[in-house]
Amino acid sequence: MTKPARIRPFRPEDREQVLALAPRLSEGVAPWRDPVGVTRAATDWVTGSMAHAGEPARAVFVAEVDGRVGGVITLAERPHFSGQTDAYVGELIVAAGLERRGIATELMRAAEAWAARQGYAYITLETGAANDPARKLYATLGFLEEEVRLTKAIRPGAGY
């Protein structure tokens, strides 16, 4: 039986286990996007977040489950166009098979506590419109939709 997750700061020895989670970020991405490109970008995001973990205005927390990394959340400050600076969740990933056990919620609680200690008024994040499980989780945690990105395919050679 799986024990509850222990949330703790990222350590360099977690690197390979955290990187192994990165491809999960391609789930829920719009079907017209290149999955290889999405996975490459996700790996780059996670790699960058780990490289800056512990720097001022940045944090990475992992959920340790049965001695292994079962989830990760990355945070940084991000300016909003209004002029405010928010805490921003760059990545939230839970390992396959560990979903719906409260790990994402615990990681989000750690993120909110970090943001509060840093003095941010808001914590923001982005997720794919098709990522229904994530959107439901965020709504349950009190997140409100603020912006919507719209996309339209353009035919090659179309124009005036």
C-alpha atoms as a PDB file:
ATOM      1  CA  MET A   1       0.000   0.000   0.000  1.00  0.00           C
ATOM      2  CA  THR A   2       1.232   3.498  -0.855  1.00  0.00           C
ATOM      3  CA  LYS A   3       1.979   5.753   2.094  1.00  0.00           C
ATOM      4  CA  PRO A   4       0.993   9.428   2.100  1.00  0.00           C
ATOM      5  CA  ALA A   5       3.327  11.729   0.198  1.00  0.00           C
ATOM      6  CA  ARG A   6       5.973  13.718   2.026  1.00  0.00           C
ATOM      7  CA  ILE A   7       6.380  17.161   0.473  1.00  0.00           C
ATOM      8  CA  ARG A   8       9.920  18.506   0.613  1.00  0.00           C
ATOM      9  CA  PRO A   9      12.271  20.807  -1.301  1.00  0.00           C
ATOM     10  CA  PHE A  10      13.869  19.429  -4.442  1.00  0.00           C
ATOM     11  CA  ARG A  11      17.384  18.017  -4.039  1.00  0.00           C
ATOM     12  CA  PRO A  12      19.908  17.543  -6.880  1.00  0.00           C
ATOM     13  CA  GLU A  13      19.736  13.765  -6.464  1.00  0.00           C
ATOM     14  CA  ASP A  14      16.016  13.972  -7.454  1.00  0.00           C
ATOM     15  CA  ARG A  15      16.924  15.251 -10.933  1.00  0.00           C
ATOM     16  CA  GLU A  16      16.514  12.040 -12.971  1.00  0.00           C
ATOM     17  CA  GLN A  17      13.245  11.055 -11.272  1.00  0.00           C
ATOM     18  CA  VAL A  18      11.817  14.550 -11.816  1.00  0.00           C
ATOM     19  CA  LEU A  19      12.903  14.558 -15.477  1.00  0.00           C
ATOM     20  CA  ALA A  20      11.156  11.214 -15.945  1.00  0.00           C
ATOM     21  CA  LEU A  21       7.878  12.948 -15.003  1.00  0.00           C
ATOM     22  CA  ALA A  22       8.204  15.712 -17.637  1.00  0.00           C
ATOM     23  CA  PRO A  23       6.487  13.841 -20.516  1.00  0.00           C
ATOM     24  CA  ARG A  24       3.260  13.810 -18.485  1.00  0.00           C
ATOM     25  CA  LEU A  25       2.984  17.531 -19.250  1.00  0.00           C
ATOM     26  CA  SER A  26       2.076  16.618 -22.834  1.00  0.00           C
ATOM     27  CA  GLU A  27      -1.224  15.128 -21.622  1.00  0.00           C
ATOM     28  CA  GLY A  28      -4.164  17.430 -22.129  1.00  0.00           C
ATOM     29  CA  VAL A  29      -2.382  19.556 -24.751  1.00  0.00           C
ATOM     30  CA  ALA A  30      -4.416  20.455 -27.831  1.00  0.00           C
ATOM     31  CA  PRO A  31      -4.383  17.523 -30.288  1.00  0.00           C
ATOM     32  CA  TRP A  32      -3.120  19.653 -33.171  1.00  0.00           C
ATOM     33  CA  ARG A  33       0.161  20.416 -31.352  1.00  0.00           C
ATOM     34  CA  ASP A  34       3.233  18.316 -32.146  1.00  0.00           C
ATOM     35  CA  PRO A  35       3.571  15.831 -29.252  1.00  0.00           C
ATOM     36  CA  VAL A  36       7.334  15.488 -29.739  1.00  0.00           C
ATOM     37  CA  GLY A  37       7.745  19.258 -29.603  1.00  0.00           C
ATOM     38  CA  VAL A  38       5.513  19.487 -26.535  1.00  0.00           C
ATOM     39  CA  THR A  39       7.494  16.792 -24.712  1.00  0.00           C
ATOM     40  CA  ARG A  40      10.783  18.488 -25.639  1.00  0.00           C
ATOM     41  CA  ALA A  41       9.487  21.832 -24.356  1.00  0.00           C
ATOM     42  CA  ALA A  42       8.206  20.242 -21.133  1.00  0.00           C
ATOM     43  CA  THR A  43      11.589  18.624 -20.511  1.00  0.00           C
ATOM     44  CA  ASP A  44      13.287  21.980 -21.109  1.00  0.00           C
ATOM     45  CA  TRP A  45      10.904  23.730 -18.684  1.00  0.00           C
ATOM     46  CA  VAL A  46      11.499  21.172 -15.950  1.00  0.00           C
ATOM     47  CA  THR A  47      15.264  21.215 -16.547  1.00  0.00           C
ATOM     48  CA  GLY A  48      15.311  25.010 -16.272  1.00  0.00           C
ATOM     49  CA  SER A  49      13.214  24.998 -13.133  1.00  0.00           C
ATOM     50  CA  MET A  50      15.519  22.494 -11.461  1.00  0.00           C
ATOM     51  CA  ALA A  51      18.589  24.500 -12.485  1.00  0.00           C
ATOM     52  CA  HIS A  52      17.193  27.571 -10.693  1.00  0.00           C
ATOM     53  CA  ALA A  53      15.699  25.794  -7.658  1.00  0.00           C
ATOM     54  CA  GLY A  54      16.531  27.595  -4.455  1.00  0.00           C
ATOM     55  CA  GLU A  55      17.359  30.914  -6.113  1.00  0.00           C
ATOM     56  CA  PRO A  56      15.510  33.960  -4.804  1.00  0.00           C
ATOM     57  CA  ALA A  57      11.887  34.019  -6.004  1.00  0.00           C
ATOM     58  CA  ARG A  58      12.055  30.382  -7.152  1.00  0.00           C
ATOM     59  CA  ALA A  59      11.245  27.028  -5.598  1.00  0.00           C
ATOM     60  CA  VAL A  60      10.822  23.384  -6.530  1.00  0.00           C
ATOM     61  CA  PHE A  61       9.080  20.899  -4.251  1.00  0.00           C
ATOM     62  CA  VAL A  62       8.746  17.159  -4.696  1.00  0.00           C
ATOM     63  CA  ALA A  63       6.266  14.673  -3.305  1.00  0.00           C
ATOM     64  CA  GLU A  64       8.140  11.670  -2.014  1.00  0.00           C
ATOM     65  CA  VAL A  65       6.083   8.475  -2.063  1.00  0.00           C
ATOM     66  CA  ASP A  66       7.566   5.199  -0.832  1.00  0.00           C
ATOM     67  CA  GLY A  67      11.078   6.653  -1.155  1.00  0.00           C
ATOM     68  CA  ARG A  68      10.629   7.860  -4.741  1.00  0.00           C
ATOM     69  CA  VAL A  69       9.601  11.109  -6.380  1.00  0.00           C
ATOM     70  CA  GLY A  70       5.873  10.800  -7.078  1.00  0.00           C
ATOM     71  CA  GLY A  71       5.261  14.415  -8.043  1.00  0.00           C
ATOM     72  CA  VAL A  72       6.844  17.821  -8.503  1.00  0.00           C
ATOM     73  CA  ILE A  73       5.811  21.461  -8.522  1.00  0.00           C
ATOM     74  CA  THR A  74       7.925  24.390  -9.673  1.00  0.00           C
ATOM     75  CA  LEU A  75       7.470  28.042  -8.763  1.00  0.00           C
ATOM     76  CA  ALA A  76       8.850  31.382  -9.837  1.00  0.00           C
ATOM     77  CA  GLU A  77       7.774  34.956  -9.723  1.00  0.00           C
ATOM     78  CA  ARG A  78       6.139  36.288 -12.856  1.00  0.00           C
ATOM     79  CA  PRO A  79       5.093  39.819 -13.700  1.00  0.00           C
ATOM     80  CA  HIS A  80       1.449  40.314 -14.627  1.00  0.00           C
ATOM     81  CA  PHE A  81       0.570  42.903 -17.277  1.00  0.00           C
ATOM     82  CA  SER A  82      -1.216  44.893 -14.546  1.00  0.00           C
ATOM     83  CA  GLY A  83       2.144  45.627 -12.963  1.00  0.00           C
ATOM     84  CA  GLN A  84       1.728  43.197 -10.064  1.00  0.00           C
ATOM     85  CA  THR A  85       4.150  40.341  -9.572  1.00  0.00           C
ATOM     86  CA  ASP A  86       2.579  36.960  -8.923  1.00  0.00           C
ATOM     87  CA  ALA A  87       3.849  33.586  -7.785  1.00  0.00           C
ATOM     88  CA  TYR A  88       3.637  31.334 -10.829  1.00  0.00           C
ATOM     89  CA  VAL A  89       3.312  27.548 -10.944  1.00  0.00           C
ATOM     90  CA  GLY A  90       5.412  26.529 -13.922  1.00  0.00           C
ATOM     91  CA  GLU A  91       4.890  22.788 -13.704  1.00  0.00           C
ATOM     92  CA  LEU A  92       2.772  20.486 -11.589  1.00  0.00           C
ATOM     93  CA  ILE A  93       3.248  16.800 -12.361  1.00  0.00           C
ATOM     94  CA  VAL A  94       2.109  13.649 -10.595  1.00  0.00           C
ATOM     95  CA  ALA A  95       3.520  10.274 -11.611  1.00  0.00           C
ATOM     96  CA  ALA A  96       1.307   7.941 -13.598  1.00  0.00           C
ATOM     97  CA  GLY A  97      -0.545   5.595 -11.282  1.00  0.00           C
ATOM     98  CA  LEU A  98      -0.463   8.029  -8.353  1.00  0.00           C
ATOM     99  CA  GLU A  99      -3.252  10.299  -9.565  1.00  0.00           C
ATOM    100  CA  ARG A 100      -6.256  11.079  -7.342  1.00  0.00           C
ATOM    101  CA  ARG A 101      -4.393  10.364  -4.115  1.00  0.00           C
ATOM    102  CA  GLY A 102      -4.104  13.987  -3.025  1.00  0.00           C
ATOM    103  CA  ILE A 103      -0.515  14.469  -4.192  1.00  0.00           C
ATOM    104  CA  ALA A 104      -1.286  17.392  -6.507  1.00  0.00           C
ATOM    105  CA  THR A 105      -3.356  19.041  -3.779  1.00  0.00           C
ATOM    106  CA  GLU A 106      -0.511  18.687  -1.266  1.00  0.00           C
ATOM    107  CA  LEU A 107       1.980  20.093  -3.763  1.00  0.00           C
ATOM    108  CA  MET A 108      -0.358  23.030  -4.433  1.00  0.00           C
ATOM    109  CA  ARG A 109      -0.664  23.649  -0.683  1.00  0.00           C
ATOM    110  CA  ALA A 110       3.130  23.763  -0.448  1.00  0.00           C
ATOM    111  CA  ALA A 111       3.174  26.205  -3.372  1.00  0.00           C
ATOM    112  CA  GLU A 112       0.587  28.463  -1.754  1.00  0.00           C
ATOM    113  CA  ALA A 113       2.478  28.414   1.556  1.00  0.00           C
ATOM    114  CA  TRP A 114       5.698  29.346  -0.259  1.00  0.00           C
ATOM    115  CA  ALA A 115       3.917  32.155  -2.125  1.00  0.00           C
ATOM    116  CA  ALA A 116       2.453  33.496   1.123  1.00  0.00           C
ATOM    117  CA  ARG A 117       5.882  33.461   2.812  1.00  0.00           C
ATOM    118  CA  GLN A 118       7.302  35.382  -0.154  1.00  0.00           C
ATOM    119  CA  GLY A 119       4.546  38.001   0.165  1.00  0.00           C
ATOM    120  CA  TYR A 120       2.767  37.457  -3.151  1.00  0.00           C
ATOM    121  CA  ALA A 121      -0.892  38.451  -3.395  1.00  0.00           C
ATOM    122  CA  TYR A 122      -1.703  35.930  -6.122  1.00  0.00           C
ATOM    123  CA  ILE A 123      -0.577  32.557  -7.386  1.00  0.00           C
ATOM    124  CA  THR A 124      -1.192  31.850 -11.063  1.00  0.00           C
ATOM    125  CA  LEU A 125      -0.751  28.986 -13.490  1.00  0.00           C
ATOM    126  CA  GLU A 126      -1.673  27.871 -16.963  1.00  0.00           C
ATOM    127  CA  THR A 127      -3.021  24.540 -18.155  1.00  0.00           C
ATOM    128  CA  GLY A 128      -4.368  23.133 -21.384  1.00  0.00           C
ATOM    129  CA  ALA A 129      -8.034  23.743 -22.131  1.00  0.00           C
ATOM    130  CA  ALA A 130      -8.396  20.015 -22.843  1.00  0.00           C
ATOM    131  CA  ASN A 131      -6.802  19.028 -19.509  1.00  0.00           C
ATOM    132  CA  ASP A 132     -10.105  18.463 -17.721  1.00  0.00           C
ATOM    133  CA  PRO A 133      -8.689  16.695 -14.639  1.00  0.00           C
ATOM    134  CA  ALA A 134      -6.265  19.547 -13.974  1.00  0.00           C
ATOM    135  CA  ARG A 135      -8.895  22.220 -14.563  1.00  0.00           C
ATOM    136  CA  LYS A 136     -11.268  20.490 -12.140  1.00  0.00           C
ATOM    137  CA  LEU A 137      -8.513  20.268  -9.523  1.00  0.00           C
ATOM    138  CA  TYR A 138      -7.639  23.939  -9.872  1.00  0.00           C
ATOM    139  CA  ALA A 139     -11.296  24.972  -9.636  1.00  0.00           C
ATOM    140  CA  THR A 140     -11.656  22.859  -6.487  1.00  0.00           C
ATOM    141  CA  LEU A 141      -8.605  24.634  -5.043  1.00  0.00           C
ATOM    142  CA  GLY A 142     -10.203  28.044  -5.671  1.00  0.00           C
ATOM    143  CA  PHE A 143      -8.487  29.091  -8.907  1.00  0.00           C
ATOM    144  CA  LEU A 144     -10.518  31.291 -11.247  1.00  0.00           C
ATOM    145  CA  GLU A 145     -10.041  31.490 -15.006  1.00  0.00           C
ATOM    146  CA  GLU A 146      -8.527  34.847 -15.897  1.00  0.00           C
ATOM    147  CA  GLU A 147      -7.507  34.616 -19.553  1.00  0.00           C
ATOM    148  CA  VAL A 148      -8.241  32.347 -22.500  1.00  0.00           C
ATOM    149  CA  ARG A 149      -5.918  31.665 -25.451  1.00  0.00           C
ATOM    150  CA  LEU A 150      -7.648  31.100 -28.786  1.00  0.00           C
ATOM    151  CA  THR A 151      -5.946  29.330 -31.683  1.00  0.00           C
ATOM    152  CA  LYS A 152      -6.844  29.029 -35.346  1.00  0.00           C
ATOM    153  CA  ALA A 153      -4.974  27.009 -37.962  1.00  0.00           C
ATOM    154  CA  ILE A 154      -3.793  28.980 -40.990  1.00  0.00           C
ATOM    155  CA  ARG A 155      -3.649  27.333 -44.377  1.00  0.00           C
ATOM    156  CA  PRO A 156      -0.172  27.528 -45.908  1.00  0.00           C
ATOM    157  CA  GLY A 157      -0.140  30.060 -48.717  1.00  0.00           C
ATOM    158  CA  ALA A 158      -3.387  31.700 -47.673  1.00  0.00           C
ATOM    159  CA  GLY A 159      -3.358  35.448 -47.864  1.00  0.00           C
ATOM    160  CA  TYR A 160      -4.354  38.524 -49.758  1.00  0.00           C
END
